[in-house]
Amino acid sequence: SKKDFRLAILSGFFLAMHFAAWISSLDYTAIANSVVLVNTIPLWVGLLTPLVSQDRISGSTVASIIVSVIGVAIIGFGDYATGGKALLGDLLAVFGAVSAAVYLLYGRNLRRKLSLFSYVAICYSSAAVILWLGVLFLNLPMTGYRLQCANGCGLLGHGADISINRQLQPQLVA
């Protein structure tokens, strides 16, 4: 439907924001901090699930979220204490995690209606267009990078995330 098509594009927007924020965070904070913070995606999925799908989260999920928030606060406080731009990098990594969580939640709901190929084609294409528009708008360099296998890994990895997330959904809720 047109609504599903728009939601798949919106999901692509959040995927683009995830990549843009997370990769940008690496310019400001330590790689270890960035990776730990961007990997708080399950925390944000747990927090946003009741808002998106009205599902209730289990007590063990709530406990895990509390422990994760304490860890994120410790990392953020450490970078705040050192000054400089490290806290900005931490915030970008967290924004990347929240964006990825929204992407996963939209994808989980859309995958009930769309095939994996249809969803990936719309979502990833829109993410690519949005990122390219950002590159053009910000006048960022488009050449000079090493060619690596990120495209294949990204397509397989993020496509698997949506399928696995859809299968694990009942385990998140009470």
C-alpha atoms as a PDB file:
ATOM      1  CA  SER A   1       0.000   0.000   0.000  1.00  0.00           C
ATOM      2  CA  LYS A   2       1.030   3.629  -0.271  1.00  0.00           C
ATOM      3  CA  LYS A   3       1.192   3.843   3.509  1.00  0.00           C
ATOM      4  CA  ASP A   4       3.592   0.861   3.693  1.00  0.00           C
ATOM      5  CA  PHE A   5       5.704   2.391   0.916  1.00  0.00           C
ATOM      6  CA  ARG A   6       5.958   5.682   2.850  1.00  0.00           C
ATOM      7  CA  LEU A   7       6.797   3.843   6.065  1.00  0.00           C
ATOM      8  CA  ALA A   8       9.547   1.885   4.284  1.00  0.00           C
ATOM      9  CA  ILE A   9      11.002   5.186   3.044  1.00  0.00           C
ATOM     10  CA  LEU A  10      10.760   6.591   6.581  1.00  0.00           C
ATOM     11  CA  SER A  11      12.534   3.483   7.838  1.00  0.00           C
ATOM     12  CA  GLY A  12      15.245   4.199   5.251  1.00  0.00           C
ATOM     13  CA  PHE A  13      15.504   7.749   6.601  1.00  0.00           C
ATOM     14  CA  PHE A  14      16.201   6.407  10.102  1.00  0.00           C
ATOM     15  CA  LEU A  15      18.722   3.920   8.721  1.00  0.00           C
ATOM     16  CA  ALA A  16      20.494   6.810   6.963  1.00  0.00           C
ATOM     17  CA  MET A  17      20.481   8.831  10.208  1.00  0.00           C
ATOM     18  CA  HIS A  18      21.951   5.827  12.039  1.00  0.00           C
ATOM     19  CA  PHE A  19      24.877   5.595   9.628  1.00  0.00           C
ATOM     20  CA  ALA A  20      25.444   9.354   9.382  1.00  0.00           C
ATOM     21  CA  ALA A  21      25.404   9.907  13.147  1.00  0.00           C
ATOM     22  CA  TRP A  22      27.425   6.849  14.075  1.00  0.00           C
ATOM     23  CA  ILE A  23      30.164   7.335  11.481  1.00  0.00           C
ATOM     24  CA  SER A  24      30.340  11.040  12.384  1.00  0.00           C
ATOM     25  CA  SER A  25      30.729  10.137  16.071  1.00  0.00           C
ATOM     26  CA  LEU A  26      34.052   8.494  15.271  1.00  0.00           C
ATOM     27  CA  ASP A  27      35.533  11.935  14.519  1.00  0.00           C
ATOM     28  CA  TYR A  28      34.878  13.093  18.076  1.00  0.00           C
ATOM     29  CA  THR A  29      35.027  10.218  20.550  1.00  0.00           C
ATOM     30  CA  ALA A  30      37.034   7.058  21.076  1.00  0.00           C
ATOM     31  CA  ILE A  31      36.151   4.125  18.830  1.00  0.00           C
ATOM     32  CA  ALA A  32      35.452   1.988  21.904  1.00  0.00           C
ATOM     33  CA  ASN A  33      32.987   4.543  23.312  1.00  0.00           C
ATOM     34  CA  SER A  34      31.285   4.946  19.958  1.00  0.00           C
ATOM     35  CA  VAL A  35      30.887   1.201  19.455  1.00  0.00           C
ATOM     36  CA  VAL A  36      29.586   0.612  22.983  1.00  0.00           C
ATOM     37  CA  LEU A  37      27.086   3.465  22.702  1.00  0.00           C
ATOM     38  CA  VAL A  38      25.822   2.611  19.223  1.00  0.00           C
ATOM     39  CA  ASN A  39      25.326  -0.952  20.414  1.00  0.00           C
ATOM     40  CA  THR A  40      22.712   0.247  22.896  1.00  0.00           C
ATOM     41  CA  ILE A  41      20.211  -0.365  20.091  1.00  0.00           C
ATOM     42  CA  PRO A  42      18.406  -3.129  22.066  1.00  0.00           C
ATOM     43  CA  LEU A  43      17.986  -0.679  24.950  1.00  0.00           C
ATOM     44  CA  TRP A  44      16.210   1.797  22.670  1.00  0.00           C
ATOM     45  CA  VAL A  45      14.150  -0.933  21.019  1.00  0.00           C
ATOM     46  CA  GLY A  46      12.987  -1.953  24.495  1.00  0.00           C
ATOM     47  CA  LEU A  47      12.158   1.617  25.487  1.00  0.00           C
ATOM     48  CA  LEU A  48      10.376   2.430  22.224  1.00  0.00           C
ATOM     49  CA  THR A  49       8.478  -0.856  21.780  1.00  0.00           C
ATOM     50  CA  PRO A  50       5.576   0.125  24.088  1.00  0.00           C
ATOM     51  CA  LEU A  51       5.233   3.450  22.261  1.00  0.00           C
ATOM     52  CA  VAL A  52       5.315   1.952  18.775  1.00  0.00           C
ATOM     53  CA  SER A  53       3.373  -1.275  19.199  1.00  0.00           C
ATOM     54  CA  GLN A  54       1.701  -0.947  22.615  1.00  0.00           C
ATOM     55  CA  ASP A  55       3.426  -4.198  23.649  1.00  0.00           C
ATOM     56  CA  ARG A  56       4.501  -4.463  27.269  1.00  0.00           C
ATOM     57  CA  ILE A  57       8.111  -5.253  28.053  1.00  0.00           C
ATOM     58  CA  SER A  58       9.080  -7.900  30.587  1.00  0.00           C
ATOM     59  CA  GLY A  59      10.612  -7.224  33.996  1.00  0.00           C
ATOM     60  CA  SER A  60      13.957  -8.677  32.946  1.00  0.00           C
ATOM     61  CA  THR A  61      13.989  -6.310  29.969  1.00  0.00           C
ATOM     62  CA  VAL A  62      13.334  -3.348  32.287  1.00  0.00           C
ATOM     63  CA  ALA A  63      16.189  -4.474  34.561  1.00  0.00           C
ATOM     64  CA  SER A  64      18.512  -4.777  31.560  1.00  0.00           C
ATOM     65  CA  ILE A  65      17.539  -1.290  30.402  1.00  0.00           C
ATOM     66  CA  ILE A  66      18.338   0.180  33.834  1.00  0.00           C
ATOM     67  CA  VAL A  67      21.790  -1.460  33.882  1.00  0.00           C
ATOM     68  CA  SER A  68      22.440  -0.233  30.318  1.00  0.00           C
ATOM     69  CA  VAL A  69      21.428   3.343  31.167  1.00  0.00           C
ATOM     70  CA  ILE A  70      23.851   3.322  34.096  1.00  0.00           C
ATOM     71  CA  GLY A  71      26.645   2.163  31.761  1.00  0.00           C
ATOM     72  CA  VAL A  72      25.818   4.824  29.178  1.00  0.00           C
ATOM     73  CA  ALA A  73      25.816   7.480  31.913  1.00  0.00           C
ATOM     74  CA  ILE A  74      29.243   6.343  33.128  1.00  0.00           C
ATOM     75  CA  ILE A  75      30.684   6.584  29.605  1.00  0.00           C
ATOM     76  CA  GLY A  76      29.069   9.979  29.035  1.00  0.00           C
ATOM     77  CA  PHE A  77      30.281  11.323  32.389  1.00  0.00           C
ATOM     78  CA  GLY A  78      33.828  10.181  31.626  1.00  0.00           C
ATOM     79  CA  ASP A  79      33.817  12.057  28.334  1.00  0.00           C
ATOM     80  CA  TYR A  80      32.126  15.100  29.889  1.00  0.00           C
ATOM     81  CA  ALA A  81      34.860  15.234  32.535  1.00  0.00           C
ATOM     82  CA  THR A  82      37.624  15.160  29.900  1.00  0.00           C
ATOM     83  CA  GLY A  83      36.075  18.087  28.019  1.00  0.00           C
ATOM     84  CA  GLY A  84      36.537  18.684  24.341  1.00  0.00           C
ATOM     85  CA  LYS A  85      34.328  17.167  21.698  1.00  0.00           C
ATOM     86  CA  ALA A  86      34.176  13.621  23.065  1.00  0.00           C
ATOM     87  CA  LEU A  87      30.715  14.195  24.543  1.00  0.00           C
ATOM     88  CA  LEU A  88      29.469  15.325  21.117  1.00  0.00           C
ATOM     89  CA  GLY A  89      30.761  12.042  19.686  1.00  0.00           C
ATOM     90  CA  ASP A  90      28.983  10.128  22.436  1.00  0.00           C
ATOM     91  CA  LEU A  91      25.721  11.943  21.700  1.00  0.00           C
ATOM     92  CA  LEU A  92      26.074  11.221  17.988  1.00  0.00           C
ATOM     93  CA  ALA A  93      26.633   7.528  18.734  1.00  0.00           C
ATOM     94  CA  VAL A  94      23.534   7.445  20.967  1.00  0.00           C
ATOM     95  CA  PHE A  95      21.521   9.252  18.287  1.00  0.00           C
ATOM     96  CA  GLY A  96      22.773   6.608  15.849  1.00  0.00           C
ATOM     97  CA  ALA A  97      21.535   3.888  18.226  1.00  0.00           C
ATOM     98  CA  VAL A  98      18.104   5.504  18.633  1.00  0.00           C
ATOM     99  CA  SER A  99      17.825   5.928  14.867  1.00  0.00           C
ATOM    100  CA  ALA A 100      18.732   2.260  14.332  1.00  0.00           C
ATOM    101  CA  ALA A 101      16.112   1.234  16.909  1.00  0.00           C
ATOM    102  CA  VAL A 102      13.407   3.175  15.075  1.00  0.00           C
ATOM    103  CA  TYR A 103      14.569   1.626  11.788  1.00  0.00           C
ATOM    104  CA  LEU A 104      14.315  -1.857  13.341  1.00  0.00           C
ATOM    105  CA  LEU A 105      10.870  -1.208  14.807  1.00  0.00           C
ATOM    106  CA  TYR A 106       9.489   0.093  11.510  1.00  0.00           C
ATOM    107  CA  GLY A 107      11.106  -2.836   9.729  1.00  0.00           C
ATOM    108  CA  ARG A 108       9.684  -5.361  12.177  1.00  0.00           C
ATOM    109  CA  ASN A 109       6.174  -4.038  11.594  1.00  0.00           C
ATOM    110  CA  LEU A 110       6.566  -3.720   7.817  1.00  0.00           C
ATOM    111  CA  ARG A 111       8.072  -7.190   7.413  1.00  0.00           C
ATOM    112  CA  ARG A 112       4.737  -8.631   8.534  1.00  0.00           C
ATOM    113  CA  LYS A 113       3.288  -7.259   5.280  1.00  0.00           C
ATOM    114  CA  LEU A 114       6.213  -7.020   2.847  1.00  0.00           C
ATOM    115  CA  SER A 115       8.697  -9.573   1.618  1.00  0.00           C
ATOM    116  CA  LEU A 116      12.285  -9.080   2.728  1.00  0.00           C
ATOM    117  CA  PHE A 117      13.295  -8.167  -0.826  1.00  0.00           C
ATOM    118  CA  SER A 118      10.538  -5.545  -1.188  1.00  0.00           C
ATOM    119  CA  TYR A 119      11.328  -3.988   2.172  1.00  0.00           C
ATOM    120  CA  VAL A 120      15.090  -3.961   1.613  1.00  0.00           C
ATOM    121  CA  ALA A 121      14.757  -2.529  -1.900  1.00  0.00           C
ATOM    122  CA  ILE A 122      12.652   0.412  -0.722  1.00  0.00           C
ATOM    123  CA  CYS A 123      14.345   1.021   2.625  1.00  0.00           C
ATOM    124  CA  TYR A 124      17.969   0.687   1.521  1.00  0.00           C
ATOM    125  CA  SER A 125      17.417   2.656  -1.679  1.00  0.00           C
ATOM    126  CA  SER A 126      15.863   5.534   0.218  1.00  0.00           C
ATOM    127  CA  ALA A 127      18.685   5.424   2.804  1.00  0.00           C
ATOM    128  CA  ALA A 128      21.254   5.566   0.006  1.00  0.00           C
ATOM    129  CA  VAL A 129      19.521   8.504  -1.681  1.00  0.00           C
ATOM    130  CA  ILE A 130      19.243  10.388   1.621  1.00  0.00           C
ATOM    131  CA  LEU A 131      22.914   9.808   2.429  1.00  0.00           C
ATOM    132  CA  TRP A 132      23.996  10.876  -1.067  1.00  0.00           C
ATOM    133  CA  LEU A 133      21.892  14.045  -0.755  1.00  0.00           C
ATOM    134  CA  GLY A 134      23.686  14.733   2.532  1.00  0.00           C
ATOM    135  CA  VAL A 135      27.073  14.219   0.880  1.00  0.00           C
ATOM    136  CA  LEU A 136      26.134  16.603  -1.937  1.00  0.00           C
ATOM    137  CA  PHE A 137      24.554  19.204   0.365  1.00  0.00           C
ATOM    138  CA  LEU A 138      27.552  19.216   2.721  1.00  0.00           C
ATOM    139  CA  ASN A 139      30.009  19.137  -0.202  1.00  0.00           C
ATOM    140  CA  LEU A 140      31.811  16.105   1.232  1.00  0.00           C
ATOM    141  CA  PRO A 141      34.444  14.270  -0.835  1.00  0.00           C
ATOM    142  CA  MET A 142      33.085  11.443  -2.970  1.00  0.00           C
ATOM    143  CA  THR A 143      36.388   9.839  -3.918  1.00  0.00           C
ATOM    144  CA  GLY A 144      39.628   8.845  -2.259  1.00  0.00           C
ATOM    145  CA  TYR A 145      38.247   6.029  -0.150  1.00  0.00           C
ATOM    146  CA  ARG A 146      39.467   2.453  -0.169  1.00  0.00           C
ATOM    147  CA  LEU A 147      37.111  -0.059  -1.760  1.00  0.00           C
ATOM    148  CA  GLN A 148      36.007  -2.587   0.822  1.00  0.00           C
ATOM    149  CA  CYS A 149      33.309  -5.227   1.134  1.00  0.00           C
ATOM    150  CA  ALA A 150      31.000  -3.027   3.223  1.00  0.00           C
ATOM    151  CA  ASN A 151      28.173  -3.171   0.678  1.00  0.00           C
ATOM    152  CA  GLY A 152      27.782  -6.941   0.833  1.00  0.00           C
ATOM    153  CA  CYS A 153      28.196  -7.041   4.596  1.00  0.00           C
ATOM    154  CA  GLY A 154      25.736  -4.189   5.049  1.00  0.00           C
ATOM    155  CA  LEU A 155      23.088  -5.715   2.834  1.00  0.00           C
ATOM    156  CA  LEU A 156      23.360  -9.114   4.460  1.00  0.00           C
ATOM    157  CA  GLY A 157      23.803  -7.867   8.015  1.00  0.00           C
ATOM    158  CA  HIS A 158      21.038  -5.300   8.127  1.00  0.00           C
ATOM    159  CA  GLY A 159      18.642  -7.516   6.196  1.00  0.00           C
ATOM    160  CA  ALA A 160      19.252 -10.273   8.725  1.00  0.00           C
ATOM    161  CA  ASP A 161      18.678  -7.804  11.588  1.00  0.00           C
ATOM    162  CA  ILE A 162      15.133  -7.144  10.371  1.00  0.00           C
ATOM    163  CA  SER A 163      14.316 -10.831   9.954  1.00  0.00           C
ATOM    164  CA  ILE A 164      15.822 -11.831  13.300  1.00  0.00           C
ATOM    165  CA  ASN A 165      14.196  -8.890  15.104  1.00  0.00           C
ATOM    166  CA  ARG A 166      10.801  -9.943  13.728  1.00  0.00           C
ATOM    167  CA  GLN A 167      11.312 -13.510  14.951  1.00  0.00           C
ATOM    168  CA  LEU A 168      12.491 -12.438  18.428  1.00  0.00           C
ATOM    169  CA  GLN A 169       9.709  -9.913  19.046  1.00  0.00           C
ATOM    170  CA  PRO A 170       7.645 -12.231  21.297  1.00  0.00           C
ATOM    171  CA  GLN A 171      10.653 -12.643  23.615  1.00  0.00           C
ATOM    172  CA  LEU A 172      10.790  -8.871  24.285  1.00  0.00           C
ATOM    173  CA  VAL A 173       7.269  -8.651  25.574  1.00  0.00           C
ATOM    174  CA  ALA A 174       5.811  -9.980  28.821  1.00  0.00           C
END
